[in-house]
mmCIF file of all heavy atoms, coordinates in Angstrom:
data_MODEL
# 
_entry.id   MODEL 
# 
loop_
_atom_site.group_PDB 
_atom_site.id 
_atom_site.type_symbol 
_atom_site.label_atom_id 
_atom_site.label_alt_id 
_atom_site.label_comp_id 
_atom_site.label_asym_id 
_atom_site.label_entity_id 
_atom_site.label_seq_id 
_atom_site.pdbx_PDB_ins_code 
_atom_site.Cartn_x 
_atom_site.Cartn_y 
_atom_site.Cartn_z 
_atom_site.occupancy 
_atom_site.B_iso_or_equiv 
_atom_site.pdbx_formal_charge 
_atom_site.auth_seq_id 
_atom_site.auth_comp_id 
_atom_site.auth_asym_id 
_atom_site.auth_atom_id 
_atom_site.pdbx_PDB_model_num 
ATOM 1   N N   . ALA A 1 1  ? -24.398 69.368 -50.019 1.00 0.00 ? 1  ALA A N   1 
ATOM 2   C CA  . ALA A 1 1  ? -25.451 68.414 -49.649 1.00 0.00 ? 1  ALA A CA  1 
ATOM 3   C C   . ALA A 1 1  ? -26.596 68.415 -50.654 1.00 0.00 ? 1  ALA A C   1 
ATOM 4   O O   . ALA A 1 1  ? -27.222 67.381 -50.905 1.00 0.00 ? 1  ALA A O   1 
ATOM 5   C CB  . ALA A 1 1  ? -25.967 68.725 -48.247 1.00 0.00 ? 1  ALA A CB  1 
ATOM 6   N N   . ASP A 1 2  ? -26.872 69.589 -51.244 1.00 0.00 ? 2  ASP A N   1 
ATOM 7   C CA  . ASP A 1 2  ? -27.983 69.708 -52.184 1.00 0.00 ? 2  ASP A CA  1 
ATOM 8   C C   . ASP A 1 2  ? -27.522 69.815 -53.639 1.00 0.00 ? 2  ASP A C   1 
ATOM 9   O O   . ASP A 1 2  ? -28.340 70.061 -54.530 1.00 0.00 ? 2  ASP A O   1 
ATOM 10  C CB  . ASP A 1 2  ? -28.838 70.921 -51.831 1.00 0.00 ? 2  ASP A CB  1 
ATOM 11  C CG  . ASP A 1 2  ? -29.504 70.779 -50.474 1.00 0.00 ? 2  ASP A CG  1 
ATOM 12  O OD1 . ASP A 1 2  ? -30.093 69.703 -50.228 1.00 0.00 ? 2  ASP A OD1 1 
ATOM 13  O OD2 . ASP A 1 2  ? -29.420 71.719 -49.659 1.00 0.00 ? 2  ASP A OD2 1 
ATOM 14  N N   . ASP A 1 3  ? -26.216 69.636 -53.858 1.00 0.00 ? 3  ASP A N   1 
ATOM 15  C CA  . ASP A 1 3  ? -25.698 69.650 -55.225 1.00 0.00 ? 3  ASP A CA  1 
ATOM 16  C C   . ASP A 1 3  ? -26.372 68.521 -56.010 1.00 0.00 ? 3  ASP A C   1 
ATOM 17  O O   . ASP A 1 3  ? -26.418 67.372 -55.572 1.00 0.00 ? 3  ASP A O   1 
ATOM 18  C CB  . ASP A 1 3  ? -24.187 69.450 -55.204 1.00 0.00 ? 3  ASP A CB  1 
ATOM 19  C CG  . ASP A 1 3  ? -23.533 69.667 -56.553 1.00 0.00 ? 3  ASP A CG  1 
ATOM 20  O OD1 . ASP A 1 3  ? -23.958 69.004 -57.531 1.00 0.00 ? 3  ASP A OD1 1 
ATOM 21  O OD2 . ASP A 1 3  ? -22.592 70.476 -56.635 1.00 0.00 ? 3  ASP A OD2 1 
ATOM 22  N N   . GLU A 1 4  ? -26.917 68.827 -57.156 1.00 0.00 ? 4  GLU A N   1 
ATOM 23  C CA  . GLU A 1 4  ? -27.693 67.860 -57.921 1.00 0.00 ? 4  GLU A CA  1 
ATOM 24  C C   . GLU A 1 4  ? -26.879 66.616 -58.285 1.00 0.00 ? 4  GLU A C   1 
ATOM 25  O O   . GLU A 1 4  ? -27.427 65.530 -58.456 1.00 0.00 ? 4  GLU A O   1 
ATOM 26  C CB  . GLU A 1 4  ? -28.230 68.526 -59.199 1.00 0.00 ? 4  GLU A CB  1 
ATOM 27  C CG  . GLU A 1 4  ? -29.230 67.687 -59.974 1.00 0.00 ? 4  GLU A CG  1 
ATOM 28  C CD  . GLU A 1 4  ? -30.467 67.313 -59.158 1.00 0.00 ? 4  GLU A CD  1 
ATOM 29  O OE1 . GLU A 1 4  ? -30.857 68.110 -58.263 1.00 0.00 ? 4  GLU A OE1 1 
ATOM 30  O OE2 . GLU A 1 4  ? -31.029 66.228 -59.403 1.00 0.00 ? 4  GLU A OE2 1 
ATOM 31  N N   . ARG A 1 5  ? -25.566 66.749 -58.360 1.00 0.00 ? 5  ARG A N   1 
ATOM 32  C CA  . ARG A 1 5  ? -24.723 65.604 -58.704 1.00 0.00 ? 5  ARG A CA  1 
ATOM 33  C C   . ARG A 1 5  ? -24.632 64.593 -57.570 1.00 0.00 ? 5  ARG A C   1 
ATOM 34  O O   . ARG A 1 5  ? -24.350 63.407 -57.792 1.00 0.00 ? 5  ARG A O   1 
ATOM 35  C CB  . ARG A 1 5  ? -23.305 66.083 -59.049 1.00 0.00 ? 5  ARG A CB  1 
ATOM 36  C CG  . ARG A 1 5  ? -23.196 66.958 -60.287 1.00 0.00 ? 5  ARG A CG  1 
ATOM 37  C CD  . ARG A 1 5  ? -21.801 67.558 -60.387 1.00 0.00 ? 5  ARG A CD  1 
ATOM 38  N NE  . ARG A 1 5  ? -21.510 68.445 -59.255 1.00 0.00 ? 5  ARG A NE  1 
ATOM 39  C CZ  . ARG A 1 5  ? -20.316 68.993 -59.009 1.00 0.00 ? 5  ARG A CZ  1 
ATOM 40  N NH1 . ARG A 1 5  ? -19.272 68.689 -59.803 1.00 0.00 ? 5  ARG A NH1 1 
ATOM 41  N NH2 . ARG A 1 5  ? -20.148 69.813 -57.982 1.00 0.00 ? 5  ARG A NH2 1 
ATOM 42  N N   . PHE A 1 6  ? -24.879 65.069 -56.324 1.00 0.00 ? 6  PHE A N   1 
ATOM 43  C CA  . PHE A 1 6  ? -24.598 64.238 -55.151 1.00 0.00 ? 6  PHE A CA  1 
ATOM 44  C C   . PHE A 1 6  ? -25.784 64.106 -54.200 1.00 0.00 ? 6  PHE A C   1 
ATOM 45  O O   . PHE A 1 6  ? -25.627 63.652 -53.073 1.00 0.00 ? 6  PHE A O   1 
ATOM 46  C CB  . PHE A 1 6  ? -23.417 64.849 -54.373 1.00 0.00 ? 6  PHE A CB  1 
ATOM 47  C CG  . PHE A 1 6  ? -22.231 65.240 -55.211 1.00 0.00 ? 6  PHE A CG  1 
ATOM 48  C CD1 . PHE A 1 6  ? -21.670 66.513 -55.100 1.00 0.00 ? 6  PHE A CD1 1 
ATOM 49  C CD2 . PHE A 1 6  ? -21.674 64.353 -56.123 1.00 0.00 ? 6  PHE A CD2 1 
ATOM 50  C CE1 . PHE A 1 6  ? -20.571 66.884 -55.853 1.00 0.00 ? 6  PHE A CE1 1 
ATOM 51  C CE2 . PHE A 1 6  ? -20.578 64.714 -56.892 1.00 0.00 ? 6  PHE A CE2 1 
ATOM 52  C CZ  . PHE A 1 6  ? -20.026 65.983 -56.766 1.00 0.00 ? 6  PHE A CZ  1 
ATOM 53  N N   . SER A 1 7  ? -26.975 64.472 -54.622 1.00 0.00 ? 7  SER A N   1 
ATOM 54  C CA  . SER A 1 7  ? -28.110 64.589 -53.703 1.00 0.00 ? 7  SER A CA  1 
ATOM 55  C C   . SER A 1 7  ? -28.791 63.259 -53.362 1.00 0.00 ? 7  SER A C   1 
ATOM 56  O O   . SER A 1 7  ? -29.776 63.239 -52.639 1.00 0.00 ? 7  SER A O   1 
ATOM 57  C CB  . SER A 1 7  ? -29.146 65.563 -54.287 1.00 0.00 ? 7  SER A CB  1 
ATOM 58  O OG  . SER A 1 7  ? -29.596 65.110 -55.560 1.00 0.00 ? 7  SER A OG  1 
ATOM 59  N N   . ALA A 1 8  ? -28.286 62.148 -53.855 1.00 0.00 ? 8  ALA A N   1 
ATOM 60  C CA  . ALA A 1 8  ? -28.769 60.818 -53.478 1.00 0.00 ? 8  ALA A CA  1 
ATOM 61  C C   . ALA A 1 8  ? -27.606 59.847 -53.646 1.00 0.00 ? 8  ALA A C   1 
ATOM 62  O O   . ALA A 1 8  ? -26.678 60.105 -54.432 1.00 0.00 ? 8  ALA A O   1 
ATOM 63  C CB  . ALA A 1 8  ? -29.947 60.384 -54.343 1.00 0.00 ? 8  ALA A CB  1 
ATOM 64  N N   . ASN A 1 9  ? -27.655 58.745 -52.938 1.00 0.00 ? 9  ASN A N   1 
ATOM 65  C CA  . ASN A 1 9  ? -26.517 57.822 -52.981 1.00 0.00 ? 9  ASN A CA  1 
ATOM 66  C C   . ASN A 1 9  ? -26.225 57.342 -54.398 1.00 0.00 ? 9  ASN A C   1 
ATOM 67  O O   . ASN A 1 9  ? -25.063 57.267 -54.803 1.00 0.00 ? 9  ASN A O   1 
ATOM 68  C CB  . ASN A 1 9  ? -26.747 56.622 -52.071 1.00 0.00 ? 9  ASN A CB  1 
ATOM 69  C CG  . ASN A 1 9  ? -25.624 55.607 -52.210 1.00 0.00 ? 9  ASN A CG  1 
ATOM 70  O OD1 . ASN A 1 9  ? -24.493 55.868 -51.851 1.00 0.00 ? 9  ASN A OD1 1 
ATOM 71  N ND2 . ASN A 1 9  ? -25.928 54.455 -52.791 1.00 0.00 ? 9  ASN A ND2 1 
ATOM 72  N N   . PHE A 1 10 ? -27.256 57.005 -55.180 1.00 0.00 ? 10 PHE A N   1 
ATOM 73  C CA  . PHE A 1 10 ? -26.981 56.488 -56.521 1.00 0.00 ? 10 PHE A CA  1 
ATOM 74  C C   . PHE A 1 10 ? -26.300 57.554 -57.383 1.00 0.00 ? 10 PHE A C   1 
ATOM 75  O O   . PHE A 1 10 ? -25.499 57.232 -58.260 1.00 0.00 ? 10 PHE A O   1 
ATOM 76  C CB  . PHE A 1 10 ? -28.265 55.958 -57.182 1.00 0.00 ? 10 PHE A CB  1 
ATOM 77  C CG  . PHE A 1 10 ? -29.230 57.002 -57.645 1.00 0.00 ? 10 PHE A CG  1 
ATOM 78  C CD1 . PHE A 1 10 ? -29.175 57.508 -58.940 1.00 0.00 ? 10 PHE A CD1 1 
ATOM 79  C CD2 . PHE A 1 10 ? -30.216 57.486 -56.785 1.00 0.00 ? 10 PHE A CD2 1 
ATOM 80  C CE1 . PHE A 1 10 ? -30.076 58.466 -59.364 1.00 0.00 ? 10 PHE A CE1 1 
ATOM 81  C CE2 . PHE A 1 10 ? -31.123 58.445 -57.214 1.00 0.00 ? 10 PHE A CE2 1 
ATOM 82  C CZ  . PHE A 1 10 ? -31.064 58.951 -58.501 1.00 0.00 ? 10 PHE A CZ  1 
ATOM 83  N N   . LYS A 1 11 ? -26.593 58.843 -57.102 1.00 0.00 ? 11 LYS A N   1 
ATOM 84  C CA  . LYS A 1 11 ? -25.918 59.916 -57.839 1.00 0.00 ? 11 LYS A CA  1 
ATOM 85  C C   . LYS A 1 11 ? -24.468 60.043 -57.376 1.00 0.00 ? 11 LYS A C   1 
ATOM 86  O O   . LYS A 1 11 ? -23.559 60.234 -58.187 1.00 0.00 ? 11 LYS A O   1 
ATOM 87  C CB  . LYS A 1 11 ? -26.649 61.239 -57.644 1.00 0.00 ? 11 LYS A CB  1 
ATOM 88  C CG  . LYS A 1 11 ? -28.057 61.260 -58.222 1.00 0.00 ? 11 LYS A CG  1 
ATOM 89  C CD  . LYS A 1 11 ? -28.714 62.614 -57.967 1.00 0.00 ? 11 LYS A CD  1 
ATOM 90  C CE  . LYS A 1 11 ? -30.120 62.674 -58.522 1.00 0.00 ? 11 LYS A CE  1 
ATOM 91  N NZ  . LYS A 1 11 ? -30.772 63.990 -58.267 1.00 0.00 ? 11 LYS A NZ  1 
ATOM 92  N N   . ARG A 1 12 ? -24.254 59.965 -56.066 1.00 0.00 ? 12 ARG A N   1 
ATOM 93  C CA  . ARG A 1 12 ? -22.878 60.050 -55.549 1.00 0.00 ? 12 ARG A CA  1 
ATOM 94  C C   . ARG A 1 12 ? -22.027 58.901 -56.077 1.00 0.00 ? 12 ARG A C   1 
ATOM 95  O O   . ARG A 1 12 ? -20.859 59.087 -56.419 1.00 0.00 ? 12 ARG A O   1 
ATOM 96  C CB  . ARG A 1 12 ? -22.885 60.042 -54.013 1.00 0.00 ? 12 ARG A CB  1 
ATOM 97  C CG  . ARG A 1 12 ? -23.515 61.284 -53.404 1.00 0.00 ? 12 ARG A CG  1 
ATOM 98  C CD  . ARG A 1 12 ? -23.262 61.372 -51.913 1.00 0.00 ? 12 ARG A CD  1 
ATOM 99  N NE  . ARG A 1 12 ? -23.989 60.371 -51.143 1.00 0.00 ? 12 ARG A NE  1 
ATOM 100 C CZ  . ARG A 1 12 ? -25.238 60.500 -50.706 1.00 0.00 ? 12 ARG A CZ  1 
ATOM 101 N NH1 . ARG A 1 12 ? -25.929 61.609 -50.996 1.00 0.00 ? 12 ARG A NH1 1 
ATOM 102 N NH2 . ARG A 1 12 ? -25.811 59.559 -49.981 1.00 0.00 ? 12 ARG A NH2 1 
ATOM 103 N N   . SER A 1 13 ? -22.635 57.712 -56.158 1.00 0.00 ? 13 SER A N   1 
ATOM 104 C CA  . SER A 1 13 ? -21.888 56.561 -56.666 1.00 0.00 ? 13 SER A CA  1 
ATOM 105 C C   . SER A 1 13 ? -21.572 56.733 -58.153 1.00 0.00 ? 13 SER A C   1 
ATOM 106 O O   . SER A 1 13 ? -20.459 56.441 -58.595 1.00 0.00 ? 13 SER A O   1 
ATOM 107 C CB  . SER A 1 13 ? -22.696 55.280 -56.430 1.00 0.00 ? 13 SER A CB  1 
ATOM 108 O OG  . SER A 1 13 ? -21.946 54.141 -56.770 1.00 0.00 ? 13 SER A OG  1 
ATOM 109 N N   . ALA A 1 14 ? -22.530 57.224 -58.915 1.00 0.00 ? 14 ALA A N   1 
ATOM 110 C CA  . ALA A 1 14 ? -22.311 57.431 -60.352 1.00 0.00 ? 14 ALA A CA  1 
ATOM 111 C C   . ALA A 1 14 ? -21.280 58.516 -60.619 1.00 0.00 ? 14 ALA A C   1 
ATOM 112 O O   . ALA A 1 14 ? -20.529 58.448 -61.605 1.00 0.00 ? 14 ALA A O   1 
ATOM 113 C CB  . ALA A 1 14 ? -23.631 57.773 -61.032 1.00 0.00 ? 14 ALA A CB  1 
ATOM 114 N N   . ASN A 1 15 ? -21.220 59.518 -59.734 1.00 0.00 ? 15 ASN A N   1 
ATOM 115 C CA  . ASN A 1 15 ? -20.297 60.647 -59.918 1.00 0.00 ? 15 ASN A CA  1 
ATOM 116 C C   . ASN A 1 15 ? -19.155 60.603 -58.900 1.00 0.00 ? 15 ASN A C   1 
ATOM 117 O O   . ASN A 1 15 ? -18.664 61.631 -58.464 1.00 0.00 ? 15 ASN A O   1 
ATOM 118 C CB  . ASN A 1 15 ? -21.064 61.967 -59.782 1.00 0.00 ? 15 ASN A CB  1 
ATOM 119 C CG  . ASN A 1 15 ? -22.115 62.128 -60.858 1.00 0.00 ? 15 ASN A CG  1 
ATOM 120 O OD1 . ASN A 1 15 ? -21.822 62.043 -62.045 1.00 0.00 ? 15 ASN A OD1 1 
ATOM 121 N ND2 . ASN A 1 15 ? -23.364 62.346 -60.446 1.00 0.00 ? 15 ASN A ND2 1 
ATOM 122 N N   . ARG A 1 16 ? -18.732 59.402 -58.556 1.00 0.00 ? 16 ARG A N   1 
ATOM 123 C CA  . ARG A 1 16 ? -17.767 59.251 -57.470 1.00 0.00 ? 16 ARG A CA  1 
ATOM 124 C C   . ARG A 1 16 ? -16.424 59.902 -57.764 1.00 0.00 ? 16 ARG A C   1 
ATOM 125 O O   . ARG A 1 16 ? -15.757 60.372 -56.841 1.00 0.00 ? 16 ARG A O   1 
ATOM 126 C CB  . ARG A 1 16 ? -17.591 57.782 -57.085 1.00 0.00 ? 16 ARG A CB  1 
ATOM 127 C CG  . ARG A 1 16 ? -17.023 56.874 -58.151 1.00 0.00 ? 16 ARG A CG  1 
ATOM 128 C CD  . ARG A 1 16 ? -16.803 55.454 -57.600 1.00 0.00 ? 16 ARG A CD  1 
ATOM 129 N NE  . ARG A 1 16 ? -18.009 54.862 -57.040 1.00 0.00 ? 16 ARG A NE  1 
ATOM 130 C CZ  . ARG A 1 16 ? -18.012 53.892 -56.128 1.00 0.00 ? 16 ARG A CZ  1 
ATOM 131 N NH1 . ARG A 1 16 ? -16.871 53.410 -55.663 1.00 0.00 ? 16 ARG A NH1 1 
ATOM 132 N NH2 . ARG A 1 16 ? -19.149 53.385 -55.697 1.00 0.00 ? 16 ARG A NH2 1 
ATOM 133 N N   . GLU A 1 17 ? -16.000 59.943 -59.015 1.00 0.00 ? 17 GLU A N   1 
ATOM 134 C CA  . GLU A 1 17 ? -14.701 60.553 -59.309 1.00 0.00 ? 17 GLU A CA  1 
ATOM 135 C C   . GLU A 1 17 ? -14.717 62.054 -59.022 1.00 0.00 ? 17 GLU A C   1 
ATOM 136 O O   . GLU A 1 17 ? -13.764 62.602 -58.453 1.00 0.00 ? 17 GLU A O   1 
ATOM 137 C CB  . GLU A 1 17 ? -14.290 60.274 -60.755 1.00 0.00 ? 17 GLU A CB  1 
ATOM 138 C CG  . GLU A 1 17 ? -13.989 58.816 -61.037 1.00 0.00 ? 17 GLU A CG  1 
ATOM 139 C CD  . GLU A 1 17 ? -12.944 58.239 -60.090 1.00 0.00 ? 17 GLU A CD  1 
ATOM 140 O OE1 . GLU A 1 17 ? -11.962 58.944 -59.778 1.00 0.00 ? 17 GLU A OE1 1 
ATOM 141 O OE2 . GLU A 1 17 ? -13.121 57.083 -59.642 1.00 0.00 ? 17 GLU A OE2 1 
ATOM 142 N N   . GLU A 1 18 ? -15.805 62.722 -59.406 1.00 0.00 ? 18 GLU A N   1 
ATOM 143 C CA  . GLU A 1 18 ? -15.924 64.148 -59.100 1.00 0.00 ? 18 GLU A CA  1 
ATOM 144 C C   . GLU A 1 18 ? -15.986 64.380 -57.595 1.00 0.00 ? 18 GLU A C   1 
ATOM 145 O O   . GLU A 1 18 ? -15.335 65.290 -57.061 1.00 0.00 ? 18 GLU A O   1 
ATOM 146 C CB  . GLU A 1 18 ? -17.188 64.726 -59.747 1.00 0.00 ? 18 GLU A CB  1 
ATOM 147 C CG  . GLU A 1 18 ? -17.168 64.749 -61.266 1.00 0.00 ? 18 GLU A CG  1 
ATOM 148 C CD  . GLU A 1 18 ? -18.517 65.201 -61.805 1.00 0.00 ? 18 GLU A CD  1 
ATOM 149 O OE1 . GLU A 1 18 ? -18.822 66.409 -61.670 1.00 0.00 ? 18 GLU A OE1 1 
ATOM 150 O OE2 . GLU A 1 18 ? -19.252 64.356 -62.343 1.00 0.00 ? 18 GLU A OE2 1 
ATOM 151 N N   . LEU A 1 19 ? -16.766 63.575 -56.900 1.00 0.00 ? 19 LEU A N   1 
ATOM 152 C CA  . LEU A 1 19 ? -16.895 63.743 -55.458 1.00 0.00 ? 19 LEU A CA  1 
ATOM 153 C C   . LEU A 1 19 ? -15.589 63.403 -54.753 1.00 0.00 ? 19 LEU A C   1 
ATOM 154 O O   . LEU A 1 19 ? -15.194 64.087 -53.799 1.00 0.00 ? 19 LEU A O   1 
ATOM 155 C CB  . LEU A 1 19 ? -18.036 62.864 -54.931 1.00 0.00 ? 19 LEU A CB  1 
ATOM 156 C CG  . LEU A 1 19 ? -18.313 62.937 -53.426 1.00 0.00 ? 19 LEU A CG  1 
ATOM 157 C CD1 . LEU A 1 19 ? -18.470 64.376 -52.952 1.00 0.00 ? 19 LEU A CD1 1 
ATOM 158 C CD2 . LEU A 1 19 ? -19.552 62.111 -53.081 1.00 0.00 ? 19 LEU A CD2 1 
ATOM 159 N N   . ARG A 1 20 ? -14.922 62.370 -55.229 1.00 0.00 ? 20 ARG A N   1 
ATOM 160 C CA  . ARG A 1 20 ? -13.651 61.995 -54.607 1.00 0.00 ? 20 ARG A CA  1 
ATOM 161 C C   . ARG A 1 20 ? -12.660 63.158 -54.700 1.00 0.00 ? 20 ARG A C   1 
ATOM 162 O O   . ARG A 1 20 ? -11.946 63.447 -53.731 1.00 0.00 ? 20 ARG A O   1 
ATOM 163 C CB  . ARG A 1 20 ? -13.074 60.744 -55.271 1.00 0.00 ? 20 ARG A CB  1 
ATOM 164 C CG  . ARG A 1 20 ? -11.745 60.314 -54.641 1.00 0.00 ? 20 ARG A CG  1 
ATOM 165 C CD  . ARG A 1 20 ? -11.230 58.991 -55.195 1.00 0.00 ? 20 ARG A CD  1 
ATOM 166 N NE  . ARG A 1 20 ? -10.055 58.591 -54.456 1.00 0.00 ? 20 ARG A NE  1 
ATOM 167 C CZ  . ARG A 1 20 ? -10.079 57.973 -53.288 1.00 0.00 ? 20 ARG A CZ  1 
ATOM 168 N NH1 . ARG A 1 20 ? -11.227 57.674 -52.719 1.00 0.00 ? 20 ARG A NH1 1 
ATOM 169 N NH2 . ARG A 1 20 ? -8.959  57.653 -52.672 1.00 0.00 ? 20 ARG A NH2 1 
ATOM 170 N N   . ALA A 1 21 ? -12.615 63.822 -55.837 1.00 0.00 ? 21 ALA A N   1 
ATOM 171 C CA  . ALA A 1 21 ? -11.687 64.948 -56.005 1.00 0.00 ? 21 ALA A CA  1 
ATOM 172 C C   . ALA A 1 21 ? -11.996 66.052 -54.999 1.00 0.00 ? 21 ALA A C   1 
ATOM 173 O O   . ALA A 1 21 ? -11.072 66.657 -54.421 1.00 0.00 ? 21 ALA A O   1 
ATOM 174 C CB  . ALA A 1 21 ? -11.779 65.472 -57.436 1.00 0.00 ? 21 ALA A CB  1 
ATOM 175 N N   . LEU A 1 22 ? -13.270 66.320 -54.738 1.00 0.00 ? 22 LEU A N   1 
ATOM 176 C CA  . LEU A 1 22 ? -13.645 67.352 -53.767 1.00 0.00 ? 22 LEU A CA  1 
ATOM 177 C C   . LEU A 1 22 ? -13.254 66.947 -52.345 1.00 0.00 ? 22 LEU A C   1 
ATOM 178 O O   . LEU A 1 22 ? -12.792 67.775 -51.550 1.00 0.00 ? 22 LEU A O   1 
ATOM 179 C CB  . LEU A 1 22 ? -15.145 67.609 -53.836 1.00 0.00 ? 22 LEU A CB  1 
ATOM 180 C CG  . LEU A 1 22 ? -15.654 68.249 -55.141 1.00 0.00 ? 22 LEU A CG  1 
ATOM 181 C CD1 . LEU A 1 22 ? -17.170 68.253 -55.179 1.00 0.00 ? 22 LEU A CD1 1 
ATOM 182 C CD2 . LEU A 1 22 ? -15.105 69.672 -55.266 1.00 0.00 ? 22 LEU A CD2 1 
ATOM 183 N N   . ILE A 1 23 ? -13.418 65.654 -52.016 1.00 0.00 ? 23 ILE A N   1 
ATOM 184 C CA  . ILE A 1 23 ? -13.063 65.182 -50.673 1.00 0.00 ? 23 ILE A CA  1 
ATOM 185 C C   . ILE A 1 23 ? -11.554 65.224 -50.478 1.00 0.00 ? 23 ILE A C   1 
ATOM 186 O O   . ILE A 1 23 ? -11.061 65.707 -49.446 1.00 0.00 ? 23 ILE A O   1 
ATOM 187 C CB  . ILE A 1 23 ? -13.605 63.745 -50.456 1.00 0.00 ? 23 ILE A CB  1 
ATOM 188 C CG1 . ILE A 1 23 ? -15.128 63.757 -50.465 1.00 0.00 ? 23 ILE A CG1 1 
ATOM 189 C CG2 . ILE A 1 23 ? -13.077 63.158 -49.145 1.00 0.00 ? 23 ILE A CG2 1 
ATOM 190 C CD1 . ILE A 1 23 ? -15.749 62.357 -50.472 1.00 0.00 ? 23 ILE A CD1 1 
ATOM 191 N N   . VAL A 1 24 ? -10.805 64.739 -51.467 1.00 0.00 ? 24 VAL A N   1 
ATOM 192 C CA  . VAL A 1 24 ? -9.342  64.749 -51.365 1.00 0.00 ? 24 VAL A CA  1 
ATOM 193 C C   . VAL A 1 24 ? -8.829  66.179 -51.247 1.00 0.00 ? 24 VAL A C   1 
ATOM 194 O O   . VAL A 1 24 ? -7.898  66.463 -50.482 1.00 0.00 ? 24 VAL A O   1 
ATOM 195 C CB  . VAL A 1 24 ? -8.725  64.031 -52.578 1.00 0.00 ? 24 VAL A CB  1 
ATOM 196 C CG1 . VAL A 1 24 ? -7.213  64.254 -52.627 1.00 0.00 ? 24 VAL A CG1 1 
ATOM 197 C CG2 . VAL A 1 24 ? -9.031  62.529 -52.521 1.00 0.00 ? 24 VAL A CG2 1 
ATOM 198 N N   . GLU A 1 25 ? -9.450  67.089 -51.978 1.00 0.00 ? 25 GLU A N   1 
ATOM 199 C CA  . GLU A 1 25 ? -9.061  68.501 -51.893 1.00 0.00 ? 25 GLU A CA  1 
ATOM 200 C C   . GLU A 1 25 ? -9.287  69.040 -50.485 1.00 0.00 ? 25 GLU A C   1 
ATOM 201 O O   . GLU A 1 25 ? -8.439  69.744 -49.928 1.00 0.00 ? 25 GLU A O   1 
ATOM 202 C CB  . GLU A 1 25 ? -9.858  69.321 -52.896 1.00 0.00 ? 25 GLU A CB  1 
ATOM 203 C CG  . GLU A 1 25 ? -9.516  70.819 -52.893 1.00 0.00 ? 25 GLU A CG  1 
ATOM 204 C CD  . GLU A 1 25 ? -10.395 71.626 -53.842 1.00 0.00 ? 25 GLU A CD  1 
ATOM 205 O OE1 . GLU A 1 25 ? -11.373 71.071 -54.380 1.00 0.00 ? 25 GLU A OE1 1 
ATOM 206 O OE2 . GLU A 1 25 ? -10.100 72.825 -54.035 1.00 0.00 ? 25 GLU A OE2 1 
# 
């Protein structure tokens, strides 16, 4: 939740491939 890559929607959208890999895992 506090990971700097994902701490706001615009960051999650910009880093969606990294986040997607974590969710799929």
